Amino acid sequence: MAVQKSANYTAELTAAIVDQYTSGQGVEAIAEAIGKSVRSVRSKLVREGVYVAAEKPKGAARELGPTKKELLIELEALVSYPVEGLMGATKEAIAALIANAKN
């Protein structure tokens, strides 16, 4: 004999959390108010088709400029020693070697 599982969210509770969410209340506040986890409330809102994921923060802006390989090619043209071993060096260190080689 199968045991019938009770619903986690009644139709009334679902309608209430959808109303609260669409009127601007945060998922954390809704979850706290109804005694459920944020993950549970978020999942229910997703199933109801109303949840909009927060935009993920962008990574740090990368500095544009020559690549490490381009810097090593420039350095190789300036010095008489091999530069293959410098691939592990930072771009700043390679740029300093270039500046030193130009002087």
N, C-alpha and C. Protein backbone atom coordinates (compact mmCIF):
# COMPACT_ATOMS: atom_id res chain seq x y z
N MET A 1 0.85 -1.18 0.00
CA MET A 1 0.00 0.00 0.00
C MET A 1 0.90 1.25 0.00
N ALA A 2 0.66 2.15 -0.91
CA ALA A 2 1.47 3.36 -1.04
C ALA A 2 0.99 4.42 -0.06
N VAL A 3 1.95 5.12 0.53
CA VAL A 3 1.63 6.20 1.46
C VAL A 3 1.52 7.48 0.64
N GLN A 4 0.41 8.19 0.82
CA GLN A 4 0.24 9.43 0.08
C GLN A 4 0.98 10.55 0.79
N LYS A 5 1.77 11.25 0.01
CA LYS A 5 2.58 12.33 0.55
C LYS A 5 1.76 13.62 0.53
N SER A 6 1.84 14.40 1.61
CA SER A 6 1.10 15.66 1.63
C SER A 6 1.87 16.71 0.84
N ALA A 7 1.17 17.63 0.23
CA ALA A 7 1.79 18.66 -0.59
C ALA A 7 2.55 19.64 0.30
N ASN A 8 3.71 20.08 -0.17
CA ASN A 8 4.49 21.06 0.57
C ASN A 8 3.85 22.44 0.50
N TYR A 9 3.20 22.72 -0.62
CA TYR A 9 2.59 24.03 -0.85
C TYR A 9 1.14 23.83 -1.27
N THR A 10 0.26 24.46 -0.53
CA THR A 10 -1.14 24.45 -0.94
C THR A 10 -1.32 25.44 -2.08
N ALA A 11 -2.45 25.37 -2.76
CA ALA A 11 -2.71 26.31 -3.85
C ALA A 11 -2.75 27.74 -3.31
N GLU A 12 -3.30 27.91 -2.09
CA GLU A 12 -3.37 29.25 -1.49
C GLU A 12 -1.98 29.78 -1.15
N LEU A 13 -1.14 28.92 -0.57
CA LEU A 13 0.21 29.34 -0.21
C LEU A 13 1.01 29.67 -1.46
N THR A 14 0.85 28.85 -2.50
CA THR A 14 1.54 29.11 -3.77
C THR A 14 1.12 30.46 -4.33
N ALA A 15 -0.17 30.72 -4.35
CA ALA A 15 -0.66 32.01 -4.87
C ALA A 15 -0.12 33.16 -4.03
N ALA A 16 -0.04 32.97 -2.72
CA ALA A 16 0.44 34.04 -1.84
C ALA A 16 1.92 34.33 -2.09
N ILE A 17 2.75 33.29 -2.22
CA ILE A 17 4.17 33.56 -2.43
C ILE A 17 4.44 34.13 -3.82
N VAL A 18 3.67 33.71 -4.80
CA VAL A 18 3.81 34.28 -6.15
C VAL A 18 3.43 35.76 -6.10
N ASP A 19 2.35 36.08 -5.40
CA ASP A 19 1.93 37.49 -5.25
C ASP A 19 3.02 38.32 -4.56
N GLN A 20 3.54 37.79 -3.46
CA GLN A 20 4.57 38.51 -2.72
C GLN A 20 5.82 38.72 -3.58
N TYR A 21 6.21 37.68 -4.31
CA TYR A 21 7.42 37.77 -5.12
C TYR A 21 7.23 38.77 -6.27
N THR A 22 6.10 38.69 -6.95
CA THR A 22 5.89 39.59 -8.09
C THR A 22 5.68 41.04 -7.65
N SER A 23 5.34 41.25 -6.38
CA SER A 23 5.20 42.62 -5.90
C SER A 23 6.51 43.15 -5.32
N GLY A 24 7.60 42.38 -5.46
CA GLY A 24 8.91 42.89 -5.10
C GLY A 24 9.52 42.36 -3.82
N GLN A 25 8.84 41.51 -3.11
CA GLN A 25 9.42 40.98 -1.87
C GLN A 25 10.49 39.95 -2.22
N GLY A 26 11.56 39.93 -1.46
CA GLY A 26 12.67 39.02 -1.72
C GLY A 26 12.37 37.60 -1.31
N VAL A 27 13.04 36.66 -1.95
CA VAL A 27 12.84 35.24 -1.67
C VAL A 27 13.19 34.93 -0.21
N GLU A 28 14.25 35.55 0.31
CA GLU A 28 14.66 35.30 1.69
C GLU A 28 13.55 35.68 2.67
N ALA A 29 12.95 36.85 2.44
CA ALA A 29 11.88 37.32 3.34
C ALA A 29 10.66 36.42 3.25
N ILE A 30 10.32 35.99 2.05
CA ILE A 30 9.16 35.10 1.87
C ILE A 30 9.42 33.78 2.59
N ALA A 31 10.61 33.23 2.40
CA ALA A 31 10.95 31.94 3.03
C ALA A 31 10.87 32.03 4.55
N GLU A 32 11.40 33.11 5.09
CA GLU A 32 11.36 33.29 6.54
C GLU A 32 9.92 33.41 7.04
N ALA A 33 9.10 34.13 6.30
CA ALA A 33 7.71 34.36 6.71
C ALA A 33 6.88 33.07 6.73
N ILE A 34 7.18 32.16 5.80
CA ILE A 34 6.36 30.93 5.74
C ILE A 34 7.05 29.73 6.37
N GLY A 35 8.26 29.94 6.89
CA GLY A 35 8.95 28.85 7.58
C GLY A 35 9.51 27.78 6.65
N LYS A 36 9.93 28.17 5.47
CA LYS A 36 10.53 27.22 4.53
C LYS A 36 11.91 27.74 4.14
N SER A 37 12.69 26.87 3.53
CA SER A 37 14.04 27.28 3.13
C SER A 37 13.98 28.16 1.88
N VAL A 38 15.00 28.97 1.72
CA VAL A 38 15.11 29.83 0.54
C VAL A 38 15.10 28.97 -0.72
N ARG A 39 15.83 27.87 -0.66
CA ARG A 39 15.91 26.97 -1.81
C ARG A 39 14.55 26.41 -2.19
N SER A 40 13.76 26.05 -1.20
CA SER A 40 12.42 25.52 -1.44
C SER A 40 11.53 26.56 -2.10
N VAL A 41 11.55 27.76 -1.57
CA VAL A 41 10.71 28.84 -2.11
C VAL A 41 11.17 29.18 -3.53
N ARG A 42 12.47 29.28 -3.72
CA ARG A 42 12.99 29.61 -5.05
C ARG A 42 12.56 28.54 -6.05
N SER A 43 12.68 27.28 -5.67
CA SER A 43 12.29 26.18 -6.55
C SER A 43 10.81 26.25 -6.91
N LYS A 44 9.99 26.59 -5.93
CA LYS A 44 8.55 26.70 -6.19
C LYS A 44 8.27 27.84 -7.16
N LEU A 45 8.95 28.96 -6.96
CA LEU A 45 8.76 30.10 -7.86
C LEU A 45 9.23 29.78 -9.27
N VAL A 46 10.29 28.99 -9.38
CA VAL A 46 10.77 28.56 -10.70
C VAL A 46 9.72 27.69 -11.36
N ARG A 47 9.18 26.73 -10.61
CA ARG A 47 8.14 25.84 -11.17
C ARG A 47 6.90 26.61 -11.59
N GLU A 48 6.62 27.69 -10.89
CA GLU A 48 5.46 28.53 -11.23
C GLU A 48 5.77 29.47 -12.40
N GLY A 49 7.03 29.55 -12.79
CA GLY A 49 7.42 30.35 -13.95
C GLY A 49 7.56 31.84 -13.69
N VAL A 50 7.74 32.23 -12.43
CA VAL A 50 7.84 33.66 -12.13
C VAL A 50 9.20 34.10 -11.63
N TYR A 51 10.04 33.14 -11.23
CA TYR A 51 11.34 33.51 -10.65
C TYR A 51 12.27 34.03 -11.74
N VAL A 52 12.91 35.14 -11.44
CA VAL A 52 13.92 35.72 -12.33
C VAL A 52 15.23 35.69 -11.55
N ALA A 53 16.21 34.96 -12.09
CA ALA A 53 17.49 34.83 -11.41
C ALA A 53 18.20 36.17 -11.37
N ALA A 54 18.86 36.43 -10.24
CA ALA A 54 19.64 37.66 -10.09
C ALA A 54 20.83 37.58 -11.04
N GLU A 55 21.21 38.72 -11.60
CA GLU A 55 22.34 38.75 -12.51
C GLU A 55 23.62 38.44 -11.74
N LYS A 56 24.42 37.55 -12.30
CA LYS A 56 25.68 37.19 -11.65
C LYS A 56 26.67 38.33 -11.80
N PRO A 57 27.45 38.55 -10.76
CA PRO A 57 28.44 39.63 -10.85
C PRO A 57 29.48 39.32 -11.92
N LYS A 58 29.88 40.33 -12.60
CA LYS A 58 30.90 40.18 -13.64
C LYS A 58 32.27 40.05 -12.99
N GLY A 59 33.15 39.37 -13.65
CA GLY A 59 34.52 39.23 -13.16
C GLY A 59 35.25 40.56 -13.32
N ALA A 60 36.39 40.61 -12.77
CA ALA A 60 37.20 41.83 -12.86
C ALA A 60 37.52 42.11 -14.33
N ALA A 61 37.50 43.36 -14.69
CA ALA A 61 37.81 43.73 -16.06
C ALA A 61 39.27 43.42 -16.35
N ARG A 62 39.48 42.73 -17.43
CA ARG A 62 40.85 42.38 -17.78
C ARG A 62 41.50 43.54 -18.50
N GLU A 63 42.76 43.70 -18.21
CA GLU A 63 43.52 44.77 -18.84
C GLU A 63 43.80 44.38 -20.29
N LEU A 64 43.43 45.27 -21.18
CA LEU A 64 43.76 45.03 -22.57
C LEU A 64 45.20 45.44 -22.80
N GLY A 65 45.77 44.89 -23.76
CA GLY A 65 47.17 45.19 -24.05
C GLY A 65 47.81 43.96 -24.64
N PRO A 66 49.11 44.02 -24.81
CA PRO A 66 49.78 42.87 -25.42
C PRO A 66 49.70 41.64 -24.53
N THR A 67 49.65 40.50 -25.19
CA THR A 67 49.65 39.25 -24.43
C THR A 67 51.07 38.95 -23.97
N LYS A 68 51.18 37.98 -23.10
CA LYS A 68 52.49 37.58 -22.60
C LYS A 68 53.35 37.09 -23.76
N LYS A 69 52.73 36.36 -24.68
CA LYS A 69 53.47 35.85 -25.83
C LYS A 69 54.00 36.99 -26.69
N GLU A 70 53.17 38.01 -26.91
CA GLU A 70 53.60 39.17 -27.69
C GLU A 70 54.75 39.90 -27.00
N LEU A 71 54.68 40.01 -25.69
CA LEU A 71 55.77 40.66 -24.94
C LEU A 71 57.07 39.86 -25.06
N LEU A 72 56.97 38.53 -25.01
CA LEU A 72 58.16 37.70 -25.13
C LEU A 72 58.77 37.80 -26.52
N ILE A 73 57.94 37.92 -27.54
CA ILE A 73 58.45 38.10 -28.91
C ILE A 73 59.21 39.42 -29.00
N GLU A 74 58.64 40.46 -28.38
CA GLU A 74 59.32 41.77 -28.38
C GLU A 74 60.65 41.68 -27.63
N LEU A 75 60.64 41.02 -26.48
CA LEU A 75 61.86 40.88 -25.69
C LEU A 75 62.91 40.08 -26.45
N GLU A 76 62.48 39.04 -27.12
CA GLU A 76 63.41 38.18 -27.86
C GLU A 76 64.15 38.96 -28.95
N ALA A 77 63.46 39.95 -29.53
CA ALA A 77 64.09 40.78 -30.56
C ALA A 77 65.13 41.73 -29.96
N LEU A 78 65.03 42.00 -28.67
CA LEU A 78 65.92 42.97 -28.03
C LEU A 78 67.15 42.36 -27.35
N VAL A 79 67.05 41.07 -26.97
CA VAL A 79 68.13 40.46 -26.17
C VAL A 79 68.75 39.29 -26.92
N SER A 80 69.93 38.89 -26.46
CA SER A 80 70.64 37.80 -27.12
C SER A 80 70.44 36.45 -26.42
N TYR A 81 69.76 36.43 -25.31
CA TYR A 81 69.55 35.17 -24.57
C TYR A 81 68.17 34.60 -24.88
N PRO A 82 67.96 33.29 -24.67
CA PRO A 82 66.66 32.66 -24.95
C PRO A 82 65.60 33.12 -23.94
N VAL A 83 64.38 33.30 -24.42
CA VAL A 83 63.32 33.80 -23.54
C VAL A 83 62.22 32.76 -23.27
N GLU A 84 62.38 31.54 -23.79
CA GLU A 84 61.34 30.51 -23.60
C GLU A 84 61.04 30.24 -22.12
N GLY A 85 62.05 30.29 -21.29
CA GLY A 85 61.88 30.00 -19.87
C GLY A 85 61.13 31.08 -19.11
N LEU A 86 60.87 32.21 -19.76
CA LEU A 86 60.18 33.32 -19.09
C LEU A 86 58.66 33.27 -19.22
N MET A 87 58.12 32.21 -19.83
CA MET A 87 56.67 32.13 -20.01
C MET A 87 55.94 32.14 -18.66
N GLY A 88 56.58 31.69 -17.61
CA GLY A 88 55.97 31.69 -16.28
C GLY A 88 56.04 33.03 -15.58
N ALA A 89 56.79 33.96 -16.15
CA ALA A 89 56.92 35.29 -15.53
C ALA A 89 55.65 36.10 -15.74
N THR A 90 55.43 37.09 -14.91
CA THR A 90 54.26 37.95 -15.06
C THR A 90 54.49 38.91 -16.22
N LYS A 91 53.38 39.45 -16.73
CA LYS A 91 53.49 40.43 -17.81
C LYS A 91 54.27 41.66 -17.35
N GLU A 92 54.09 42.04 -16.09
CA GLU A 92 54.79 43.20 -15.55
C GLU A 92 56.30 42.96 -15.53
N ALA A 93 56.71 41.75 -15.15
CA ALA A 93 58.13 41.42 -15.10
C ALA A 93 58.73 41.42 -16.51
N ILE A 94 58.00 40.88 -17.47
CA ILE A 94 58.50 40.86 -18.85
C ILE A 94 58.60 42.29 -19.39
N ALA A 95 57.59 43.11 -19.08
CA ALA A 95 57.62 44.52 -19.51
C ALA A 95 58.81 45.24 -18.91
N ALA A 96 59.15 44.93 -17.66
CA ALA A 96 60.31 45.55 -17.01
C ALA A 96 61.60 45.12 -17.71
N LEU A 97 61.69 43.85 -18.11
CA LEU A 97 62.87 43.39 -18.85
C LEU A 97 62.98 44.09 -20.20
N ILE A 98 61.84 44.30 -20.85
CA ILE A 98 61.84 45.01 -22.13
C ILE A 98 62.34 46.43 -21.93
N ALA A 99 61.82 47.11 -20.91
CA ALA A 99 62.23 48.48 -20.64
C ALA A 99 63.73 48.54 -20.34
N ASN A 100 64.23 47.57 -19.58
CA ASN A 100 65.64 47.51 -19.25
C ASN A 100 66.49 47.24 -20.49
N ALA A 101 66.01 46.39 -21.38
CA ALA A 101 66.76 46.05 -22.59
C ALA A 101 66.80 47.23 -23.56
N LYS A 102 65.78 48.09 -23.51
CA LYS A 102 65.74 49.25 -24.40
C LYS A 102 66.69 50.34 -23.93
N ASN A 103 67.07 50.36 -22.67
CA ASN A 103 67.96 51.40 -22.12
C ASN A 103 69.39 51.13 -22.40
